[in-house]
All heavy atoms as atom14 arrays in JSON, in Angstrom:
{
  "sequence": "LSRLGVADDADISAQYDKSRWPAARAKLEAIFLRKSRDEWCALLGEDD",
  "atom14_mask": [
    [1, 1, 1, 1, 1, 1, 1, 1, 0, 0, 0, 0, 0, 0],
    [1, 1, 1, 1, 1, 1, 0, 0, 0, 0, 0, 0, 0, 0],
    [1, 1, 1, 1, 1, 1, 1, 1, 1, 1, 1, 0, 0, 0],
    [1, 1, 1, 1, 1, 1, 1, 1, 0, 0, 0, 0, 0, 0],
    [1, 1, 1, 1, 0, 0, 0, 0, 0, 0, 0, 0, 0, 0],
    [1, 1, 1, 1, 1, 1, 1, 0, 0, 0, 0, 0, 0, 0],
    [1, 1, 1, 1, 1, 0, 0, 0, 0, 0, 0, 0, 0, 0],
    [1, 1, 1, 1, 1, 1, 1, 1, 0, 0, 0, 0, 0, 0],
    [1, 1, 1, 1, 1, 1, 1, 1, 0, 0, 0, 0, 0, 0],
    [1, 1, 1, 1, 1, 0, 0, 0, 0, 0, 0, 0, 0, 0],
    [1, 1, 1, 1, 1, 1, 1, 1, 0, 0, 0, 0, 0, 0],
    [1, 1, 1, 1, 1, 1, 1, 1, 0, 0, 0, 0, 0, 0],
    [1, 1, 1, 1, 1, 1, 0, 0, 0, 0, 0, 0, 0, 0],
    [1, 1, 1, 1, 1, 0, 0, 0, 0, 0, 0, 0, 0, 0],
    [1, 1, 1, 1, 1, 1, 1, 1, 1, 0, 0, 0, 0, 0],
    [1, 1, 1, 1, 1, 1, 1, 1, 1, 1, 1, 1, 0, 0],
    [1, 1, 1, 1, 1, 1, 1, 1, 0, 0, 0, 0, 0, 0],
    [1, 1, 1, 1, 1, 1, 1, 1, 1, 0, 0, 0, 0, 0],
    [1, 1, 1, 1, 1, 1, 0, 0, 0, 0, 0, 0, 0, 0],
    [1, 1, 1, 1, 1, 1, 1, 1, 1, 1, 1, 0, 0, 0],
    [1, 1, 1, 1, 1, 1, 1, 1, 1, 1, 1, 1, 1, 1],
    [1, 1, 1, 1, 1, 1, 1, 0, 0, 0, 0, 0, 0, 0],
    [1, 1, 1, 1, 1, 0, 0, 0, 0, 0, 0, 0, 0, 0],
    [1, 1, 1, 1, 1, 0, 0, 0, 0, 0, 0, 0, 0, 0],
    [1, 1, 1, 1, 1, 1, 1, 1, 1, 1, 1, 0, 0, 0],
    [1, 1, 1, 1, 1, 0, 0, 0, 0, 0, 0, 0, 0, 0],
    [1, 1, 1, 1, 1, 1, 1, 1, 1, 0, 0, 0, 0, 0],
    [1, 1, 1, 1, 1, 1, 1, 1, 0, 0, 0, 0, 0, 0],
    [1, 1, 1, 1, 1, 1, 1, 1, 1, 0, 0, 0, 0, 0],
    [1, 1, 1, 1, 1, 0, 0, 0, 0, 0, 0, 0, 0, 0],
    [1, 1, 1, 1, 1, 1, 1, 1, 0, 0, 0, 0, 0, 0],
    [1, 1, 1, 1, 1, 1, 1, 1, 1, 1, 1, 0, 0, 0],
    [1, 1, 1, 1, 1, 1, 1, 1, 0, 0, 0, 0, 0, 0],
    [1, 1, 1, 1, 1, 1, 1, 1, 1, 1, 1, 0, 0, 0],
    [1, 1, 1, 1, 1, 1, 1, 1, 1, 0, 0, 0, 0, 0],
    [1, 1, 1, 1, 1, 1, 0, 0, 0, 0, 0, 0, 0, 0],
    [1, 1, 1, 1, 1, 1, 1, 1, 1, 1, 1, 0, 0, 0],
    [1, 1, 1, 1, 1, 1, 1, 1, 0, 0, 0, 0, 0, 0],
    [1, 1, 1, 1, 1, 1, 1, 1, 1, 0, 0, 0, 0, 0],
    [1, 1, 1, 1, 1, 1, 1, 1, 1, 1, 1, 1, 1, 1],
    [1, 1, 1, 1, 1, 1, 0, 0, 0, 0, 0, 0, 0, 0],
    [1, 1, 1, 1, 1, 0, 0, 0, 0, 0, 0, 0, 0, 0],
    [1, 1, 1, 1, 1, 1, 1, 1, 0, 0, 0, 0, 0, 0],
    [1, 1, 1, 1, 1, 1, 1, 1, 0, 0, 0, 0, 0, 0],
    [1, 1, 1, 1, 0, 0, 0, 0, 0, 0, 0, 0, 0, 0],
    [1, 1, 1, 1, 1, 1, 1, 1, 1, 0, 0, 0, 0, 0],
    [1, 1, 1, 1, 1, 1, 1, 1, 0, 0, 0, 0, 0, 0],
    [1, 1, 1, 1, 1, 1, 1, 1, 0, 0, 0, 0, 0, 0]
  ],
  "atom14_positions": [
    [[-14.25, -44.96, 26.58], [-13.18, -45.84, 27.1], [-12.07, -45.84, 25.95], [-10.93, -45.92, 26.38], [-13.63, -47.18, 27.34], [-14.71, -47.37, 28.55], [-14.95, -48.87, 28.82], [-14.49, -46.53, 29.75], [0.0, 0.0, 0.0], [0.0, 0.0, 0.0], [0.0, 0.0, 0.0], [0.0, 0.0, 0.0], [0.0, 0.0, 0.0], [0.0, 0.0, 0.0]],
    [[-12.45, -45.96, 24.71], [-11.47, -45.82, 23.69], [-10.68, -44.57, 23.66], [-9.39, -44.57, 23.52], [-12.15, -46.07, 22.29], [-12.74, -47.32, 22.2], [0.0, 0.0, 0.0], [0.0, 0.0, 0.0], [0.0, 0.0, 0.0], [0.0, 0.0, 0.0], [0.0, 0.0, 0.0], [0.0, 0.0, 0.0], [0.0, 0.0, 0.0], [0.0, 0.0, 0.0]],
    [[-11.35, -43.47, 23.9], [-10.69, -42.15, 23.91], [-9.83, -41.97, 25.11], [-8.86, -41.33, 25.04], [-11.82, -41.09, 23.91], [-12.61, -41.04, 22.6], [-11.87, -40.43, 21.49], [-11.68, -39.09, 21.4], [-10.51, -38.37, 21.35], [-9.3, -39.05, 21.24], [-10.48, -36.99, 21.38], [0.0, 0.0, 0.0], [0.0, 0.0, 0.0], [0.0, 0.0, 0.0]],
    [[-10.12, -42.67, 26.24], [-9.44, -42.62, 27.49], [-8.31, -43.64, 27.44], [-7.35, -43.63, 28.23], [-10.26, -42.94, 28.68], [-11.3, -41.76, 29.1], [-12.06, -42.28, 30.27], [-10.74, -40.54, 29.25], [0.0, 0.0, 0.0], [0.0, 0.0, 0.0], [0.0, 0.0, 0.0], [0.0, 0.0, 0.0], [0.0, 0.0, 0.0], [0.0, 0.0, 0.0]],
    [[-8.32, -44.54, 26.43], [-7.34, -45.63, 26.39], [-7.36, -46.75, 27.33], [-6.45, -47.47, 27.71], [0.0, 0.0, 0.0], [0.0, 0.0, 0.0], [0.0, 0.0, 0.0], [0.0, 0.0, 0.0], [0.0, 0.0, 0.0], [0.0, 0.0, 0.0], [0.0, 0.0, 0.0], [0.0, 0.0, 0.0], [0.0, 0.0, 0.0], [0.0, 0.0, 0.0]],
    [[-8.62, -46.99, 27.8], [-8.92, -48.05, 28.92], [-9.97, -48.98, 28.35], [-10.49, -49.63, 29.15], [-9.3, -47.41, 30.22], [-8.15, -46.69, 30.75], [-10.55, -46.6, 30.13], [0.0, 0.0, 0.0], [0.0, 0.0, 0.0], [0.0, 0.0, 0.0], [0.0, 0.0, 0.0], [0.0, 0.0, 0.0], [0.0, 0.0, 0.0], [0.0, 0.0, 0.0]],
    [[-10.14, -49.18, 27.08], [-11.12, -50.05, 26.54], [-10.9, -51.6, 26.89], [-11.86, -52.34, 27.09], [-11.24, -49.94, 25.05], [0.0, 0.0, 0.0], [0.0, 0.0, 0.0], [0.0, 0.0, 0.0], [0.0, 0.0, 0.0], [0.0, 0.0, 0.0], [0.0, 0.0, 0.0], [0.0, 0.0, 0.0], [0.0, 0.0, 0.0], [0.0, 0.0, 0.0]],
    [[-9.6, -51.89, 27.21], [-9.32, -53.25, 27.63], [-9.23, -53.48, 29.06], [-8.88, -54.56, 29.52], [-7.9, -53.58, 26.99], [-7.93, -53.67, 25.56], [-9.01, -53.97, 24.85], [-6.8, -53.25, 24.82], [0.0, 0.0, 0.0], [0.0, 0.0, 0.0], [0.0, 0.0, 0.0], [0.0, 0.0, 0.0], [0.0, 0.0, 0.0], [0.0, 0.0, 0.0]],
    [[-9.57, -52.47, 29.93], [-9.6, -52.63, 31.31], [-10.76, -53.49, 31.59], [-11.98, -53.02, 31.51], [-9.55, -51.26, 32.01], [-9.32, -51.4, 33.57], [-10.21, -51.99, 34.18], [-8.39, -50.87, 34.05], [0.0, 0.0, 0.0], [0.0, 0.0, 0.0], [0.0, 0.0, 0.0], [0.0, 0.0, 0.0], [0.0, 0.0, 0.0], [0.0, 0.0, 0.0]],
    [[-10.68, -54.61, 32.36], [-11.74, -55.52, 32.6], [-12.84, -54.84, 33.51], [-13.9, -55.02, 33.44], [-11.14, -56.81, 33.14], [0.0, 0.0, 0.0], [0.0, 0.0, 0.0], [0.0, 0.0, 0.0], [0.0, 0.0, 0.0], [0.0, 0.0, 0.0], [0.0, 0.0, 0.0], [0.0, 0.0, 0.0], [0.0, 0.0, 0.0], [0.0, 0.0, 0.0]],
    [[-12.27, -54.03, 34.59], [-13.2, -53.53, 35.59], [-13.99, -52.49, 34.8], [-15.2, -52.39, 35.03], [-12.29, -52.9, 36.66], [-11.67, -53.85, 37.66], [-12.33, -54.95, 37.8], [-10.58, -53.64, 38.1], [0.0, 0.0, 0.0], [0.0, 0.0, 0.0], [0.0, 0.0, 0.0], [0.0, 0.0, 0.0], [0.0, 0.0, 0.0], [0.0, 0.0, 0.0]],
    [[-13.36, -51.52, 34.17], [-14.18, -50.34, 33.58], [-15.04, -50.84, 32.4], [-16.11, -50.47, 32.31], [-13.24, -49.32, 33.12], [-12.3, -48.85, 34.24], [-13.94, -48.06, 32.74], [-11.3, -47.8, 33.9], [0.0, 0.0, 0.0], [0.0, 0.0, 0.0], [0.0, 0.0, 0.0], [0.0, 0.0, 0.0], [0.0, 0.0, 0.0], [0.0, 0.0, 0.0]],
    [[-14.62, -51.67, 31.63], [-15.35, -52.18, 30.35], [-16.5, -53.04, 30.59], [-17.55, -53.06, 29.92], [-14.41, -52.81, 29.34], [-13.84, -54.05, 29.93], [0.0, 0.0, 0.0], [0.0, 0.0, 0.0], [0.0, 0.0, 0.0], [0.0, 0.0, 0.0], [0.0, 0.0, 0.0], [0.0, 0.0, 0.0], [0.0, 0.0, 0.0], [0.0, 0.0, 0.0]],
    [[-16.57, -53.66, 31.81], [-17.71, -54.42, 32.26], [-18.84, -53.58, 32.76], [-19.15, -53.45, 33.88], [-17.41, -55.48, 33.31], [0.0, 0.0, 0.0], [0.0, 0.0, 0.0], [0.0, 0.0, 0.0], [0.0, 0.0, 0.0], [0.0, 0.0, 0.0], [0.0, 0.0, 0.0], [0.0, 0.0, 0.0], [0.0, 0.0, 0.0], [0.0, 0.0, 0.0]],
    [[-19.38, -52.9, 31.87], [-20.34, -51.68, 32.18], [-21.62, -52.18, 33.09], [-22.07, -51.53, 33.83], [-20.91, -51.11, 30.86], [-21.85, -49.88, 31.24], [-22.25, -49.17, 29.86], [-21.96, -49.71, 28.79], [-23.01, -48.21, 30.01], [0.0, 0.0, 0.0], [0.0, 0.0, 0.0], [0.0, 0.0, 0.0], [0.0, 0.0, 0.0], [0.0, 0.0, 0.0]],
    [[-21.91, -53.42, 32.86], [-23.04, -53.91, 33.63], [-22.83, -54.88, 34.82], [-23.8, -55.45, 35.28], [-24.2, -54.46, 32.65], [-24.7, -53.43, 31.63], [-24.3, -53.47, 30.31], [-25.49, -52.33, 32.13], [-24.76, -52.61, 29.38], [-26.02, -51.44, 31.18], [-25.51, -51.51, 29.84], [-25.88, -50.55, 28.96], [0.0, 0.0, 0.0], [0.0, 0.0, 0.0]],
    [[-21.65, -55.08, 35.12], [-21.29, -55.97, 36.14], [-21.21, -55.18, 37.45], [-20.22, -54.46, 37.71], [-19.84, -56.67, 35.88], [-19.57, -57.66, 36.84], [-20.02, -57.66, 37.96], [-18.48, -58.35, 36.58], [0.0, 0.0, 0.0], [0.0, 0.0, 0.0], [0.0, 0.0, 0.0], [0.0, 0.0, 0.0], [0.0, 0.0, 0.0], [0.0, 0.0, 0.0]],
    [[-22.22, -55.11, 38.25], [-22.25, -54.3, 39.45], [-21.09, -54.66, 40.4], [-20.7, -53.76, 41.16], [-23.66, -54.5, 40.22], [-24.86, -53.9, 39.34], [-26.09, -54.23, 40.02], [-26.18, -53.52, 41.29], [-27.58, -53.62, 42.0], [0.0, 0.0, 0.0], [0.0, 0.0, 0.0], [0.0, 0.0, 0.0], [0.0, 0.0, 0.0], [0.0, 0.0, 0.0]],
    [[-20.58, -55.93, 40.42], [-19.56, -56.17, 41.39], [-18.26, -55.36, 41.02], [-17.47, -55.2, 41.92], [-19.2, -57.66, 41.31], [-18.74, -58.19, 40.02], [0.0, 0.0, 0.0], [0.0, 0.0, 0.0], [0.0, 0.0, 0.0], [0.0, 0.0, 0.0], [0.0, 0.0, 0.0], [0.0, 0.0, 0.0], [0.0, 0.0, 0.0], [0.0, 0.0, 0.0]],
    [[-18.1, -54.94, 39.77], [-16.88, -54.21, 39.4], [-17.21, -52.69, 39.55], [-16.14, -51.89, 39.28], [-16.58, -54.47, 37.93], [-16.14, -56.06, 37.8], [-15.77, -56.31, 36.29], [-15.34, -57.76, 36.21], [-14.08, -58.12, 36.18], [-13.08, -57.22, 36.29], [-13.7, -59.36, 35.88], [0.0, 0.0, 0.0], [0.0, 0.0, 0.0], [0.0, 0.0, 0.0]],
    [[-18.35, -52.17, 39.85], [-18.51, -50.86, 39.73], [-17.73, -49.97, 40.72], [-17.14, -48.94, 40.28], [-20.15, -50.54, 40.08], [-20.98, -50.84, 38.92], [-20.57, -51.19, 37.67], [-22.5, -50.57, 38.86], [-21.82, -51.23, 36.83], [-22.89, -50.87, 37.56], [-23.38, -50.24, 39.86], [-24.18, -50.79, 37.14], [-24.8, -50.05, 39.46], [-25.06, -50.43, 38.22]],
    [[-17.53, -50.45, 41.94], [-16.68, -49.59, 42.83], [-15.3, -49.59, 42.27], [-14.7, -48.38, 42.29], [-16.64, -50.38, 44.17], [-17.89, -51.19, 44.05], [-18.07, -51.56, 42.68], [0.0, 0.0, 0.0], [0.0, 0.0, 0.0], [0.0, 0.0, 0.0], [0.0, 0.0, 0.0], [0.0, 0.0, 0.0], [0.0, 0.0, 0.0], [0.0, 0.0, 0.0]],
    [[-14.72, -50.64, 41.73], [-13.36, -50.49, 41.13], [-13.36, -49.61, 39.86], [-12.31, -48.93, 39.68], [-12.81, -51.86, 40.86], [0.0, 0.0, 0.0], [0.0, 0.0, 0.0], [0.0, 0.0, 0.0], [0.0, 0.0, 0.0], [0.0, 0.0, 0.0], [0.0, 0.0, 0.0], [0.0, 0.0, 0.0], [0.0, 0.0, 0.0], [0.0, 0.0, 0.0]],
    [[-14.33, -49.66, 39.04], [-14.5, -48.97, 37.84], [-14.56, -47.49, 38.14], [-13.94, -46.67, 37.6], [-15.71, -49.44, 36.96], [0.0, 0.0, 0.0], [0.0, 0.0, 0.0], [0.0, 0.0, 0.0], [0.0, 0.0, 0.0], [0.0, 0.0, 0.0], [0.0, 0.0, 0.0], [0.0, 0.0, 0.0], [0.0, 0.0, 0.0], [0.0, 0.0, 0.0]],
    [[-15.34, -47.18, 39.12], [-15.53, -45.71, 39.46], [-14.24, -45.16, 40.05], [-13.85, -44.13, 39.66], [-16.62, -45.45, 40.44], [-17.02, -44.09, 40.69], [-18.22, -43.84, 41.51], [-19.53, -44.21, 40.83], [-20.08, -43.42, 40.09], [-19.57, -42.16, 39.77], [-21.08, -43.77, 39.43], [0.0, 0.0, 0.0], [0.0, 0.0, 0.0], [0.0, 0.0, 0.0]],
    [[-13.6, -45.93, 40.85], [-12.31, -45.45, 41.36], [-11.31, -45.15, 40.39], [-10.54, -44.29, 40.23], [-11.75, -46.5, 42.48], [0.0, 0.0, 0.0], [0.0, 0.0, 0.0], [0.0, 0.0, 0.0], [0.0, 0.0, 0.0], [0.0, 0.0, 0.0], [0.0, 0.0, 0.0], [0.0, 0.0, 0.0], [0.0, 0.0, 0.0], [0.0, 0.0, 0.0]],
    [[-11.31, -46.01, 39.23], [-10.24, -45.93, 38.2], [-10.68, -44.65, 37.39], [-9.79, -43.91, 36.92], [-10.19, -47.1, 37.37], [-9.5, -48.35, 38.07], [-9.42, -49.53, 37.24], [-8.73, -50.7, 37.75], [-8.65, -51.86, 37.12], [0.0, 0.0, 0.0], [0.0, 0.0, 0.0], [0.0, 0.0, 0.0], [0.0, 0.0, 0.0], [0.0, 0.0, 0.0]],
    [[-12.01, -44.56, 37.06], [-12.36, -43.38, 36.28], [-12.09, -42.07, 37.19], [-11.66, -41.09, 36.52], [-13.82, -43.43, 35.95], [-14.22, -44.49, 34.87], [-15.63, -44.63, 34.73], [-13.52, -44.1, 33.47], [0.0, 0.0, 0.0], [0.0, 0.0, 0.0], [0.0, 0.0, 0.0], [0.0, 0.0, 0.0], [0.0, 0.0, 0.0], [0.0, 0.0, 0.0]],
    [[-12.38, -42.07, 38.43], [-12.13, -40.82, 39.24], [-10.52, -40.53, 39.15], [-10.22, -39.29, 38.99], [-12.35, -41.07, 40.71], [-13.97, -41.21, 40.86], [-14.37, -41.56, 42.37], [-13.51, -42.14, 42.98], [-15.4, -41.37, 42.72], [0.0, 0.0, 0.0], [0.0, 0.0, 0.0], [0.0, 0.0, 0.0], [0.0, 0.0, 0.0], [0.0, 0.0, 0.0]],
    [[-9.67, -41.44, 39.16], [-8.26, -41.2, 39.08], [-7.88, -40.76, 37.65], [-7.06, -39.82, 37.59], [-7.4, -42.56, 39.32], [0.0, 0.0, 0.0], [0.0, 0.0, 0.0], [0.0, 0.0, 0.0], [0.0, 0.0, 0.0], [0.0, 0.0, 0.0], [0.0, 0.0, 0.0], [0.0, 0.0, 0.0], [0.0, 0.0, 0.0], [0.0, 0.0, 0.0]],
    [[-8.59, -41.09, 36.72], [-8.31, -40.71, 35.26], [-8.6, -39.22, 35.07], [-7.9, -38.38, 34.61], [-8.99, -41.59, 34.3], [-8.35, -42.93, 34.26], [-8.93, -40.95, 32.87], [-9.03, -43.9, 33.24], [0.0, 0.0, 0.0], [0.0, 0.0, 0.0], [0.0, 0.0, 0.0], [0.0, 0.0, 0.0], [0.0, 0.0, 0.0], [0.0, 0.0, 0.0]],
    [[-9.77, -38.84, 35.53], [-10.36, -37.56, 35.38], [-9.61, -36.44, 36.22], [-9.6, -35.37, 35.89], [-11.9, -37.44, 35.82], [-12.72, -37.94, 34.58], [-13.43, -39.09, 34.65], [-12.84, -37.19, 33.47], [-14.18, -39.56, 33.63], [-13.63, -37.63, 32.45], [-14.36, -38.72, 32.54], [0.0, 0.0, 0.0], [0.0, 0.0, 0.0], [0.0, 0.0, 0.0]],
    [[-8.83, -37.02, 37.28], [-8.1, -36.07, 38.12], [-6.75, -35.67, 37.41], [-5.97, -34.84, 37.82], [-7.74, -36.71, 39.4], [-8.8, -36.76, 40.57], [-8.53, -37.55, 41.62], [-9.06, -35.3, 40.86], [0.0, 0.0, 0.0], [0.0, 0.0, 0.0], [0.0, 0.0, 0.0], [0.0, 0.0, 0.0], [0.0, 0.0, 0.0], [0.0, 0.0, 0.0]],
    [[-6.43, -36.26, 36.13], [-5.17, -35.89, 35.38], [-5.39, -34.62, 34.59], [-4.27, -34.22, 34.2], [-5.02, -37.13, 34.43], [-4.7, -38.58, 35.19], [-4.51, -39.6, 34.19], [-4.46, -40.85, 34.77], [-4.46, -42.11, 34.08], [-4.89, -42.01, 32.86], [-4.41, -43.21, 34.77], [0.0, 0.0, 0.0], [0.0, 0.0, 0.0], [0.0, 0.0, 0.0]],
    [[-6.46, -34.26, 34.34], [-6.56, -32.95, 33.57], [-7.66, -32.11, 34.0], [-8.56, -32.51, 34.95], [-7.05, -33.41, 32.1], [-6.02, -34.19, 31.29], [-6.6, -34.47, 29.89], [-5.64, -35.41, 29.01], [-4.24, -34.75, 28.84], [0.0, 0.0, 0.0], [0.0, 0.0, 0.0], [0.0, 0.0, 0.0], [0.0, 0.0, 0.0], [0.0, 0.0, 0.0]],
    [[-7.56, -30.78, 33.71], [-8.63, -29.87, 34.21], [-9.97, -30.16, 33.46], [-10.1, -30.83, 32.48], [-8.17, -28.39, 33.83], [-8.16, -28.24, 32.5], [0.0, 0.0, 0.0], [0.0, 0.0, 0.0], [0.0, 0.0, 0.0], [0.0, 0.0, 0.0], [0.0, 0.0, 0.0], [0.0, 0.0, 0.0], [0.0, 0.0, 0.0], [0.0, 0.0, 0.0]],
    [[-11.02, -29.57, 34.07], [-12.34, -29.7, 33.51], [-12.29, -29.35, 31.91], [-12.87, -29.99, 31.08], [-13.35, -28.83, 34.26], [-14.78, -28.89, 33.7], [-15.67, -27.7, 34.29], [-15.2, -26.41, 33.83], [-15.65, -25.33, 34.19], [-16.56, -25.37, 35.15], [-15.23, -24.14, 33.76], [0.0, 0.0, 0.0], [0.0, 0.0, 0.0], [0.0, 0.0, 0.0]],
    [[-11.81, -28.09, 31.7], [-11.91, -27.56, 30.35], [-11.07, -28.3, 29.36], [-11.35, -28.48, 28.26], [-11.46, -26.12, 30.44], [-12.5, -25.19, 31.0], [-13.63, -25.62, 31.29], [-12.08, -23.92, 31.36], [0.0, 0.0, 0.0], [0.0, 0.0, 0.0], [0.0, 0.0, 0.0], [0.0, 0.0, 0.0], [0.0, 0.0, 0.0], [0.0, 0.0, 0.0]],
    [[-9.97, -28.95, 29.91], [-9.06, -29.78, 29.08], [-9.86, -31.12, 28.55], [-9.76, -31.54, 27.48], [-7.71, -30.19, 29.78], [-6.69, -28.93, 29.84], [-5.51, -29.33, 30.74], [-5.74, -30.15, 31.75], [-4.4, -28.89, 30.44], [0.0, 0.0, 0.0], [0.0, 0.0, 0.0], [0.0, 0.0, 0.0], [0.0, 0.0, 0.0], [0.0, 0.0, 0.0]],
    [[-10.54, -31.62, 29.59], [-11.39, -32.76, 29.22], [-12.52, -32.54, 28.28], [-12.68, -33.21, 27.41], [-11.98, -33.42, 30.58], [-11.04, -34.23, 31.26], [-10.62, -33.93, 32.59], [-10.27, -35.32, 30.96], [-9.82, -34.91, 33.09], [-9.6, -35.86, 32.05], [-10.3, -36.03, 29.68], [-8.75, -37.0, 31.94], [-9.43, -37.27, 29.64], [-8.72, -37.57, 30.84]],
    [[-13.06, -31.26, 28.41], [-14.15, -30.96, 27.49], [-13.62, -30.67, 26.14], [-14.22, -30.96, 24.98], [-14.89, -29.75, 28.03], [-15.87, -30.1, 29.51], [0.0, 0.0, 0.0], [0.0, 0.0, 0.0], [0.0, 0.0, 0.0], [0.0, 0.0, 0.0], [0.0, 0.0, 0.0], [0.0, 0.0, 0.0], [0.0, 0.0, 0.0], [0.0, 0.0, 0.0]],
    [[-12.46, -30.14, 26.12], [-11.67, -29.91, 24.83], [-11.34, -31.21, 24.1], [-11.53, -31.34, 22.85], [-10.58, -28.94, 25.04], [0.0, 0.0, 0.0], [0.0, 0.0, 0.0], [0.0, 0.0, 0.0], [0.0, 0.0, 0.0], [0.0, 0.0, 0.0], [0.0, 0.0, 0.0], [0.0, 0.0, 0.0], [0.0, 0.0, 0.0], [0.0, 0.0, 0.0]],
    [[-11.11, -32.17, 24.97], [-10.63, -33.56, 24.27], [-11.81, -34.35, 24.02], [-11.73, -35.05, 22.96], [-9.76, -34.26, 25.46], [-9.19, -35.54, 25.13], [-8.33, -35.5, 23.91], [-8.61, -36.3, 26.24], [0.0, 0.0, 0.0], [0.0, 0.0, 0.0], [0.0, 0.0, 0.0], [0.0, 0.0, 0.0], [0.0, 0.0, 0.0], [0.0, 0.0, 0.0]],
    [[-12.83, -34.27, 24.79], [-14.02, -35.27, 24.56], [-15.24, -34.53, 24.18], [-16.22, -35.25, 23.88], [-14.15, -35.99, 25.93], [-12.98, -36.86, 26.48], [-13.44, -37.39, 27.89], [-12.7, -37.9, 25.39], [0.0, 0.0, 0.0], [0.0, 0.0, 0.0], [0.0, 0.0, 0.0], [0.0, 0.0, 0.0], [0.0, 0.0, 0.0], [0.0, 0.0, 0.0]],
    [[-15.45, -33.25, 24.23], [-16.75, -32.59, 24.14], [-17.31, -32.81, 22.75], [-18.65, -32.73, 22.73], [0.0, 0.0, 0.0], [0.0, 0.0, 0.0], [0.0, 0.0, 0.0], [0.0, 0.0, 0.0], [0.0, 0.0, 0.0], [0.0, 0.0, 0.0], [0.0, 0.0, 0.0], [0.0, 0.0, 0.0], [0.0, 0.0, 0.0], [0.0, 0.0, 0.0]],
    [[-16.59, -33.14, 21.74], [-17.21, -33.21, 20.45], [-17.43, -34.79, 20.19], [-17.92, -35.09, 18.96], [-16.54, -32.57, 19.29], [-16.36, -30.98, 19.57], [-15.68, -30.34, 18.41], [-15.24, -31.06, 17.46], [-15.49, -29.02, 18.48], [0.0, 0.0, 0.0], [0.0, 0.0, 0.0], [0.0, 0.0, 0.0], [0.0, 0.0, 0.0], [0.0, 0.0, 0.0]],
    [[-16.93, -35.59, 20.98], [-17.13, -37.07, 20.77], [-18.64, -37.42, 21.28], [-19.24, -36.77, 22.16], [-16.14, -37.86, 21.48], [-14.75, -37.61, 20.83], [-14.6, -37.38, 19.58], [-13.77, -37.62, 21.68], [0.0, 0.0, 0.0], [0.0, 0.0, 0.0], [0.0, 0.0, 0.0], [0.0, 0.0, 0.0], [0.0, 0.0, 0.0], [0.0, 0.0, 0.0]],
    [[-19.07, -38.57, 20.83], [-20.35, -39.13, 21.32], [-20.24, -39.89, 22.57], [-20.19, -41.08, 22.72], [-20.97, -40.07, 20.34], [-21.59, -39.38, 19.05], [-21.71, -38.11, 19.18], [-21.68, -39.97, 17.97], [0.0, 0.0, 0.0], [0.0, 0.0, 0.0], [0.0, 0.0, 0.0], [0.0, 0.0, 0.0], [0.0, 0.0, 0.0], [0.0, 0.0, 0.0]]
  ]
}
C-alpha cells in the first residue's frame, strides 16, 4: 500500500475488515489497470 500510495485509504488499509473487502478489491483492480504487468513487476518485483 505504501508503494502504491494508498496507505491512508480506509477501505484498502483495513485488511481484516470483511465489510470493506469489496470496495478494497475494486480500488486495487482499478490501480493495477494503470500499468502493464511487466511495469508493475519492475516497480514492485523486488519489494517485500
